[in-house]
Amino acid sequence: MKIKNFSLRLFVNYSSFIGLTFDEMRLKKNCWPQLIKFLSLLMVHIYAYILFRDYQNNNEGMNAKELSQNHFGTLIDLVSENFFPLAFIFSYIFYYRIGYSLIRSCDSKLFQTIYDDTSRKSQIISIIILILINISIILNYAGYGFWSLQTEYPFEMIIKFYSMTMILYSQIFNNVLCIYFKFAIRQLLQQTLQNFIGKKINDNQCLRIIRTLAKQCNNFHSSMAFFIIMNILKDCFYLLCSFIYVYLDKFSIIQFIILIIHFGLFVYWIYLDYDAKKILSNLFHQIQHQYQCKSMRQQQQQQQSSSSLKVKNIKQLIQSIDNDDDRLIAEIDKYLYLNNNYGSRKELLLIEMDELYSEDYHFELFNLYRLDQNFLIDFLAFTILYFVLIIQTA
């Protein structure tokens, strides 16, 4: 897979190097090396899941069942034992299933104006971000006691270490990929708005860009939906664990930093989504203002023209159609529509495009639930209420 942009190429190549496979799940020429790699590492992660079943026995940190000996506490322990490895195994399969189309949607030619492949500054920033991601993974180990997963055989410890590293990396990688895409969309809309105000592009070119970006967003959202659902569930568990650690007076500075990193990335790309929608609304407003100005000028020109000319044209139209009343009415409506309603037609088209394409710029989970500031409030309220249920039934 040839990737044009350096930042995306760096992260995809690094992800492929450590174990992720971005491909299409179909038999084709030269697919066997990727397929063998996928199946081999899948077996490794399944074996690691079996080893992770002793997680709660070896971890000296939180045990929610001891805090609340009912279904609320039991559910948290079941999640910590099973959900993270299983979620990653399914995500790993989805990476192989739709990874190719996901990366292609991020490697659009339009993004080359935002991410300059030849810029030394952009390359340095990308490398620094990748280093910070690996530091964040180390902080996860240090903060939540994953180093305490001792086994009798060092080989099993290596498998656990590798699998947990991939679990932590995949979650951050999903958020970084969303930030990469949403930032490019916002910047492209901002450039389009500035070019339209500066009269460097006309309304048709502007609407064509909006339509193209909406299609890009729709493809990206449909490919990314499963991974975001997994991230949301993981973040929910992180937040609940943090509340419990605070309640047990075991919350450390490192765990606080991890919490900020997880939610900082998540909140930032939701903010980019919201900001892109604001720019899009402003862009539609500017186009509508231009149509209204054109419509006013057209009305002034029509008022200055002779009304007798319109009557003459209509009379000639009537004389040309003698016996077909339906055709006569249709032709008169068409004449009036083409000569008197240019601005209204354009505004109607703009309203239809606003209704049709604006929703594509929002991240919606399988077209069911929009991820915006209201979602963040609901998410925070749910985790707080669940934590209250745990401590109230302790």
Protein backbone atom coordinates (compact mmCIF):
# COMPACT_ATOMS: atom_id res chain seq x y z
CA MET A 1 0.00 0.00 0.00
CA LYS A 2 1.58 3.27 -1.16
CA ILE A 3 0.73 6.22 1.11
CA LYS A 4 1.48 9.74 -0.10
CA ASN A 5 1.46 11.66 3.17
CA PHE A 6 4.47 11.27 5.48
CA SER A 7 2.55 11.54 8.78
CA LEU A 8 0.03 8.89 7.83
CA ARG A 9 2.72 6.72 6.24
CA LEU A 10 4.80 6.90 9.43
CA PHE A 11 1.98 5.74 11.70
CA VAL A 12 0.71 3.05 9.34
CA ASN A 13 4.19 1.62 8.75
CA TYR A 14 4.94 1.64 12.48
CA SER A 15 1.58 0.01 13.24
CA SER A 16 2.25 -2.65 10.61
CA PHE A 17 5.74 -3.21 12.01
CA ILE A 18 4.49 -3.91 15.54
CA GLY A 19 1.68 -6.18 14.38
CA LEU A 20 -1.42 -4.49 12.94
CA THR A 21 -2.49 -5.57 9.46
CA PHE A 22 -4.30 -3.14 7.14
CA ASP A 23 -5.71 -5.12 4.25
CA GLU A 24 -8.87 -6.32 2.55
CA MET A 25 -10.21 -9.69 3.62
CA ARG A 26 -10.32 -11.31 0.20
CA LEU A 27 -8.20 -13.73 -1.76
CA LYS A 28 -5.98 -11.97 -4.27
CA LYS A 29 -2.54 -12.20 -5.73
CA ASN A 30 0.32 -11.95 -3.20
CA CYS A 31 -2.10 -11.92 -0.25
CA TRP A 32 -0.58 -14.92 1.53
CA PRO A 33 2.20 -13.12 3.46
CA GLN A 34 -0.31 -10.70 5.00
CA LEU A 35 -2.78 -13.51 5.67
CA ILE A 36 -0.14 -15.66 7.40
CA LYS A 37 0.97 -12.69 9.51
CA PHE A 38 -2.64 -11.95 10.44
CA LEU A 39 -3.48 -15.52 11.47
CA SER A 40 -0.22 -16.01 13.38
CA LEU A 41 -0.60 -12.86 15.46
CA LEU A 42 -4.29 -13.57 15.97
CA MET A 43 -3.33 -16.87 17.59
CA VAL A 44 -0.82 -15.01 19.77
CA HIS A 45 -3.48 -12.58 21.02
CA ILE A 46 -5.97 -15.37 21.69
CA TYR A 47 -3.32 -17.19 23.72
CA ALA A 48 -2.56 -13.94 25.55
CA TYR A 49 -6.26 -13.64 26.42
CA ILE A 50 -6.10 -17.07 28.05
CA LEU A 51 -3.10 -15.89 30.06
CA PHE A 52 -4.88 -12.67 31.03
CA ARG A 53 -7.59 -14.63 32.85
CA ASP A 54 -5.37 -14.62 35.95
CA TYR A 55 -5.14 -10.80 35.84
CA GLN A 56 -7.23 -10.15 38.95
CA ASN A 57 -5.35 -12.74 40.97
CA ASN A 58 -1.99 -11.13 40.21
CA ASN A 59 -3.06 -7.48 40.33
CA GLU A 60 -2.77 -5.91 43.76
CA GLY A 61 -4.74 -2.83 42.82
CA MET A 62 -8.47 -2.45 42.46
CA ASN A 63 -10.91 -5.26 43.13
CA ALA A 64 -14.40 -3.85 42.60
CA LYS A 65 -16.13 -6.98 43.86
CA GLU A 66 -14.61 -6.49 47.30
CA LEU A 67 -15.95 -2.94 47.30
CA SER A 68 -19.43 -3.88 46.11
CA GLN A 69 -20.32 -7.58 46.31
CA ASN A 70 -23.18 -7.41 43.84
CA HIS A 71 -23.64 -7.28 40.10
CA PHE A 72 -22.29 -3.72 39.82
CA GLY A 73 -18.89 -4.64 41.23
CA THR A 74 -18.84 -8.03 39.51
CA LEU A 75 -19.40 -6.38 36.13
CA ILE A 76 -16.34 -4.14 36.59
CA ASP A 77 -14.16 -7.14 37.45
CA LEU A 78 -15.49 -9.10 34.46
CA VAL A 79 -14.67 -6.19 32.19
CA SER A 80 -11.13 -5.89 33.55
CA GLU A 81 -10.60 -9.65 33.08
CA ASN A 82 -12.17 -10.13 29.65
CA PHE A 83 -13.21 -7.02 27.78
CA PHE A 84 -9.87 -5.42 26.87
CA PRO A 85 -8.29 -8.53 25.26
CA LEU A 86 -11.52 -9.59 23.53
CA ALA A 87 -12.20 -6.06 22.25
CA PHE A 88 -8.72 -5.90 20.78
CA ILE A 89 -9.06 -9.33 19.14
CA PHE A 90 -12.22 -8.20 17.35
CA SER A 91 -10.59 -4.85 16.49
CA TYR A 92 -7.57 -6.70 15.11
CA ILE A 93 -9.88 -8.67 12.81
CA PHE A 94 -11.63 -5.47 11.70
CA TYR A 95 -8.27 -3.84 10.95
CA TYR A 96 -7.57 -6.65 8.54
CA ARG A 97 -11.12 -6.56 7.16
CA ILE A 98 -11.48 -2.82 6.43
CA GLY A 99 -8.03 -1.43 7.16
CA TYR A 100 -7.25 -0.80 3.50
CA SER A 101 -10.36 1.33 2.86
CA LEU A 102 -9.84 3.14 6.19
CA ILE A 103 -6.30 4.19 5.31
CA ARG A 104 -7.32 5.13 1.77
CA SER A 105 -10.02 7.46 3.07
CA CYS A 106 -7.33 9.21 5.14
CA ASP A 107 -4.88 9.38 2.24
CA SER A 108 -7.01 11.65 0.07
CA LYS A 109 -5.34 13.93 -2.49
CA LEU A 110 -7.18 16.85 -0.90
CA PHE A 111 -5.23 16.33 2.33
CA GLN A 112 -1.91 17.00 0.57
CA THR A 113 -2.58 20.74 0.82
CA ILE A 114 -2.92 20.40 4.61
CA TYR A 115 -0.15 17.92 5.39
CA ASP A 116 2.89 18.93 3.35
CA ASP A 117 4.91 15.79 2.67
CA THR A 118 8.08 17.81 2.12
CA SER A 119 7.78 19.94 5.25
CA ARG A 120 10.55 19.21 7.74
CA LYS A 121 8.46 20.70 10.55
CA SER A 122 5.55 18.36 9.83
CA GLN A 123 7.85 15.34 9.80
CA ILE A 124 9.45 16.27 13.13
CA ILE A 125 6.06 16.81 14.76
CA SER A 126 4.85 13.41 13.53
CA ILE A 127 7.92 11.65 14.94
CA ILE A 128 7.54 13.44 18.29
CA ILE A 129 3.86 12.42 18.51
CA LEU A 130 4.81 8.79 17.83
CA ILE A 131 7.43 8.92 20.60
CA LEU A 132 4.88 10.45 23.01
CA ILE A 133 2.44 7.65 22.21
CA ASN A 134 5.01 5.04 23.25
CA ILE A 135 5.75 7.01 26.43
CA SER A 136 2.02 7.00 27.17
CA ILE A 137 1.99 3.21 26.84
CA ILE A 138 4.85 2.94 29.34
CA LEU A 139 2.89 5.19 31.72
CA ASN A 140 -0.06 2.81 31.45
CA TYR A 141 2.15 -0.03 32.59
CA ALA A 142 3.60 1.99 35.44
CA GLY A 143 0.25 3.41 36.56
CA TYR A 144 -1.98 0.34 36.56
CA GLY A 145 0.42 -2.36 37.67
CA PHE A 146 0.64 -4.41 34.51
CA TRP A 147 4.25 -5.21 35.43
CA SER A 148 2.90 -7.36 38.28
CA LEU A 149 1.62 -9.94 35.79
CA GLN A 150 4.30 -12.47 36.69
CA THR A 151 4.21 -15.94 35.23
CA GLU A 152 6.21 -19.08 35.70
CA TYR A 153 7.61 -18.92 32.17
CA PRO A 154 9.30 -15.77 30.73
CA PHE A 155 7.88 -16.60 27.28
CA GLU A 156 4.35 -16.13 28.62
CA MET A 157 5.37 -12.81 30.15
CA ILE A 158 6.64 -11.64 26.76
CA ILE A 159 3.34 -12.60 25.14
CA LYS A 160 1.40 -10.73 27.81
CA PHE A 161 3.62 -7.69 27.47
CA TYR A 162 3.27 -7.65 23.68
CA SER A 163 -0.48 -8.16 23.68
CA MET A 164 -1.08 -5.48 26.32
CA THR A 165 1.14 -3.08 24.38
CA MET A 166 -0.96 -3.65 21.25
CA ILE A 167 -4.18 -3.15 23.22
CA LEU A 168 -2.99 0.19 24.58
CA TYR A 169 -1.50 1.30 21.27
CA SER A 170 -4.63 0.50 19.22
CA GLN A 171 -6.79 2.72 21.42
CA ILE A 172 -4.46 5.71 21.06
CA PHE A 173 -3.98 5.01 17.35
CA ASN A 174 -7.74 5.20 16.75
CA ASN A 175 -7.95 8.61 18.41
CA VAL A 176 -4.88 9.90 16.53
CA LEU A 177 -6.37 8.72 13.24
CA CYS A 178 -9.62 10.58 14.00
CA ILE A 179 -7.66 13.74 14.89
CA TYR A 180 -5.64 13.44 11.66
CA PHE A 181 -8.79 13.16 9.55
CA LYS A 182 -10.95 15.72 11.37
CA PHE A 183 -8.16 18.31 11.46
CA ALA A 184 -7.69 17.99 7.68
CA ILE A 185 -11.44 18.34 7.07
CA ARG A 186 -11.65 21.45 9.24
CA GLN A 187 -8.63 23.06 7.57
CA LEU A 188 -9.97 22.30 4.08
CA LEU A 189 -13.32 23.88 4.94
CA GLN A 190 -11.50 26.90 6.38
CA GLN A 191 -9.45 27.24 3.18
CA THR A 192 -12.59 26.92 1.07
CA LEU A 193 -14.32 29.63 3.10
CA GLN A 194 -11.36 31.99 2.76
CA ASN A 195 -11.05 31.32 -0.98
CA PHE A 196 -14.76 31.92 -1.51
CA ILE A 197 -14.74 35.19 0.45
CA GLY A 198 -11.63 36.23 -1.49
CA LYS A 199 -13.45 35.32 -4.75
CA LYS A 200 -10.76 32.85 -5.74
CA ILE A 201 -13.43 30.18 -6.31
CA ASN A 202 -17.08 30.47 -7.32
CA ASP A 203 -20.16 28.95 -5.73
CA ASN A 204 -20.17 25.86 -7.96
CA GLN A 205 -16.56 25.03 -7.11
CA CYS A 206 -17.31 25.61 -3.44
CA LEU A 207 -20.33 23.29 -3.47
CA ARG A 208 -18.30 20.67 -5.34
CA ILE A 209 -15.66 20.71 -2.57
CA ILE A 210 -18.37 20.43 0.11
CA ARG A 211 -19.89 17.45 -1.67
CA THR A 212 -16.51 15.71 -2.05
CA LEU A 213 -15.55 16.23 1.61
CA ALA A 214 -18.97 14.99 2.74
CA LYS A 215 -18.39 11.78 0.81
CA GLN A 216 -14.94 11.43 2.38
CA CYS A 217 -16.41 11.89 5.87
CA ASN A 218 -19.15 9.38 5.23
CA ASN A 219 -16.65 6.72 4.11
CA PHE A 220 -14.37 7.41 7.07
CA HIS A 221 -17.19 7.31 9.62
CA SER A 222 -18.57 4.02 8.33
CA SER A 223 -15.09 2.43 8.45
CA MET A 224 -14.19 3.85 11.86
CA ALA A 225 -17.49 3.29 13.71
CA PHE A 226 -16.62 -0.09 15.25
CA PHE A 227 -13.24 1.10 16.54
CA ILE A 228 -14.80 4.19 18.11
CA ILE A 229 -17.41 2.09 19.90
CA MET A 230 -14.63 -0.01 21.37
CA ASN A 231 -12.77 3.14 22.42
CA ILE A 232 -15.86 4.57 24.09
CA LEU A 233 -16.39 1.40 26.13
CA LYS A 234 -12.71 1.35 27.12
CA ASP A 235 -12.80 5.04 28.12
CA CYS A 236 -15.91 4.37 30.19
CA PHE A 237 -14.05 1.66 32.05
CA TYR A 238 -11.00 3.90 32.52
CA LEU A 239 -13.15 6.61 34.04
CA LEU A 240 -14.95 4.19 36.35
CA CYS A 241 -11.63 2.74 37.50
CA SER A 242 -10.34 6.23 38.16
CA PHE A 243 -13.34 7.05 40.34
CA ILE A 244 -12.88 3.80 42.27
CA TYR A 245 -9.15 4.43 42.74
CA VAL A 246 -9.93 7.92 44.06
CA TYR A 247 -12.53 6.46 46.42
CA LEU A 248 -10.00 3.87 47.66
CA ASP A 249 -7.32 6.59 47.94
CA LYS A 250 -5.08 4.75 45.46
CA PHE A 251 -5.18 7.26 42.62
CA SER A 252 -1.68 8.36 41.58
CA ILE A 253 -0.32 11.22 39.50
CA ILE A 254 0.59 8.80 36.71
CA GLN A 255 -2.97 7.50 36.55
CA PHE A 256 -4.22 11.10 36.40
CA ILE A 257 -1.89 11.80 33.45
CA ILE A 258 -3.18 8.68 31.66
CA LEU A 259 -6.76 9.82 32.20
CA ILE A 260 -6.00 13.26 30.76
CA ILE A 261 -4.31 11.71 27.71
CA HIS A 262 -7.20 9.35 26.96
CA PHE A 263 -9.95 11.92 27.30
CA GLY A 264 -7.87 14.76 25.89
CA LEU A 265 -7.51 12.96 22.56
CA PHE A 266 -11.15 11.90 22.52
CA VAL A 267 -12.52 15.36 23.38
CA TYR A 268 -10.17 17.10 20.93
CA TRP A 269 -11.36 15.30 17.80
CA ILE A 270 -14.99 15.78 18.87
CA TYR A 271 -14.18 19.49 19.15
CA LEU A 272 -12.66 19.39 15.64
CA ASP A 273 -15.89 17.79 14.43
CA TYR A 274 -17.94 20.56 16.05
CA ASP A 275 -15.66 23.31 14.73
CA ALA A 276 -15.83 21.93 11.17
CA LYS A 277 -19.64 22.07 11.36
CA LYS A 278 -19.46 25.74 12.42
CA ILE A 279 -17.19 26.58 9.49
CA LEU A 280 -19.51 24.68 7.13
CA SER A 281 -22.53 26.66 8.40
CA ASN A 282 -20.62 29.91 7.88
CA LEU A 283 -19.70 28.78 4.37
CA PHE A 284 -23.33 28.06 3.50
CA HIS A 285 -24.27 31.46 4.94
CA GLN A 286 -21.73 33.20 2.69
CA ILE A 287 -23.00 31.37 -0.40
CA GLN A 288 -26.60 32.19 0.50
CA HIS A 289 -25.67 35.86 0.94
CA GLN A 290 -24.14 35.87 -2.53
CA TYR A 291 -27.30 34.32 -4.01
CA GLN A 292 -29.46 36.92 -2.29
CA CYS A 293 -27.30 39.72 -3.72
CA LYS A 294 -27.57 38.23 -7.21
CA SER A 295 -31.33 37.86 -6.81
CA MET A 296 -31.71 41.51 -5.75
CA ARG A 297 -29.66 42.70 -8.73
CA GLN A 298 -31.73 40.53 -11.04
CA GLN A 299 -34.97 41.96 -9.65
CA GLN A 300 -33.71 45.49 -10.16
CA GLN A 301 -32.81 44.68 -13.78
CA GLN A 302 -36.22 43.13 -14.34
CA GLN A 303 -37.97 46.20 -12.93
CA GLN A 304 -36.00 48.43 -15.29
CA SER A 305 -36.87 46.28 -18.35
CA SER A 306 -40.11 46.82 -20.17
CA SER A 307 -43.04 44.69 -19.05
CA SER A 308 -44.38 44.77 -22.60
CA LEU A 309 -41.43 42.65 -23.72
CA LYS A 310 -42.51 39.88 -21.34
CA VAL A 311 -46.08 40.09 -22.60
CA LYS A 312 -44.83 39.89 -26.19
CA ASN A 313 -42.74 36.84 -25.44
CA ILE A 314 -45.65 35.08 -23.73
CA LYS A 315 -47.99 35.91 -26.62
CA GLN A 316 -45.49 34.44 -29.07
CA LEU A 317 -45.30 31.32 -26.88
CA ILE A 318 -49.12 31.02 -26.87
CA GLN A 319 -49.31 31.40 -30.64
CA SER A 320 -46.69 28.69 -31.12
CA ILE A 321 -48.79 26.19 -29.16
CA ASP A 322 -52.38 26.13 -30.38
CA ASN A 323 -54.30 23.13 -29.05
CA ASP A 324 -52.20 21.46 -26.29
CA ASP A 325 -53.31 23.17 -23.06
CA ASP A 326 -51.15 21.02 -20.77
CA ARG A 327 -48.05 21.75 -22.77
CA LEU A 328 -48.95 25.43 -22.86
CA ILE A 329 -49.22 25.63 -19.06
CA ALA A 330 -45.96 23.70 -18.62
CA GLU A 331 -44.09 25.96 -21.04
CA ILE A 332 -45.40 29.14 -19.38
CA ASP A 333 -44.36 27.83 -15.93
CA LYS A 334 -40.96 26.92 -17.32
CA TYR A 335 -40.57 30.40 -18.86
CA LEU A 336 -41.46 32.16 -15.62
CA TYR A 337 -39.26 29.78 -13.62
CA LEU A 338 -36.22 30.41 -15.79
CA ASN A 339 -36.67 34.17 -16.03
CA ASN A 340 -37.86 35.22 -12.59
CA ASN A 341 -36.63 32.77 -9.95
CA TYR A 342 -32.88 32.38 -10.39
CA GLY A 343 -32.01 33.48 -6.86
CA SER A 344 -34.81 31.42 -5.30
CA ARG A 345 -33.74 28.30 -7.19
CA LYS A 346 -30.15 28.70 -6.05
CA GLU A 347 -31.22 29.25 -2.43
CA LEU A 348 -33.45 26.18 -2.61
CA LEU A 349 -30.51 24.14 -3.94
CA LEU A 350 -28.33 25.45 -1.11
CA ILE A 351 -30.90 24.49 1.53
CA GLU A 352 -31.13 20.99 0.08
CA MET A 353 -27.33 20.63 0.11
CA ASP A 354 -27.18 21.92 3.69
CA GLU A 355 -29.74 19.35 4.81
CA LEU A 356 -28.18 16.56 2.74
CA TYR A 357 -24.45 16.97 3.41
CA SER A 358 -24.19 18.70 6.79
CA GLU A 359 -25.04 15.51 8.65
CA ASP A 360 -22.21 13.66 6.90
CA TYR A 361 -19.65 15.89 8.60
CA HIS A 362 -20.78 14.73 12.05
CA PHE A 363 -19.44 11.46 13.41
CA GLU A 364 -22.44 9.19 13.92
CA LEU A 365 -22.19 5.61 15.15
CA PHE A 366 -23.81 3.62 12.34
CA ASN A 367 -26.13 6.60 11.67
CA LEU A 368 -27.76 6.08 15.06
CA TYR A 369 -26.03 8.30 17.62
CA ARG A 370 -24.10 11.50 17.05
CA LEU A 371 -20.84 12.07 18.91
CA ASP A 372 -20.93 15.68 20.04
CA GLN A 373 -20.91 17.75 23.24
CA ASN A 374 -24.26 16.25 24.28
CA PHE A 375 -22.76 12.78 24.00
CA LEU A 376 -19.85 13.81 26.25
CA ILE A 377 -22.32 15.05 28.88
CA ASP A 378 -24.32 11.81 28.69
CA PHE A 379 -21.11 9.76 28.84
CA LEU A 380 -19.86 11.57 31.95
CA ALA A 381 -23.28 11.39 33.62
CA PHE A 382 -23.51 7.63 33.03
CA THR A 383 -20.10 6.88 34.52
CA ILE A 384 -20.76 9.07 37.58
CA LEU A 385 -24.15 7.45 38.19
CA TYR A 386 -22.67 3.96 37.83
CA PHE A 387 -19.92 4.84 40.29
CA VAL A 388 -22.54 6.16 42.74
CA LEU A 389 -24.43 2.85 42.44
CA ILE A 390 -21.23 0.95 43.30
CA ILE A 391 -20.38 2.95 46.42
CA GLN A 392 -24.01 3.18 47.58
CA THR A 393 -24.36 -0.60 47.45
CA ALA A 394 -20.94 -1.25 49.02
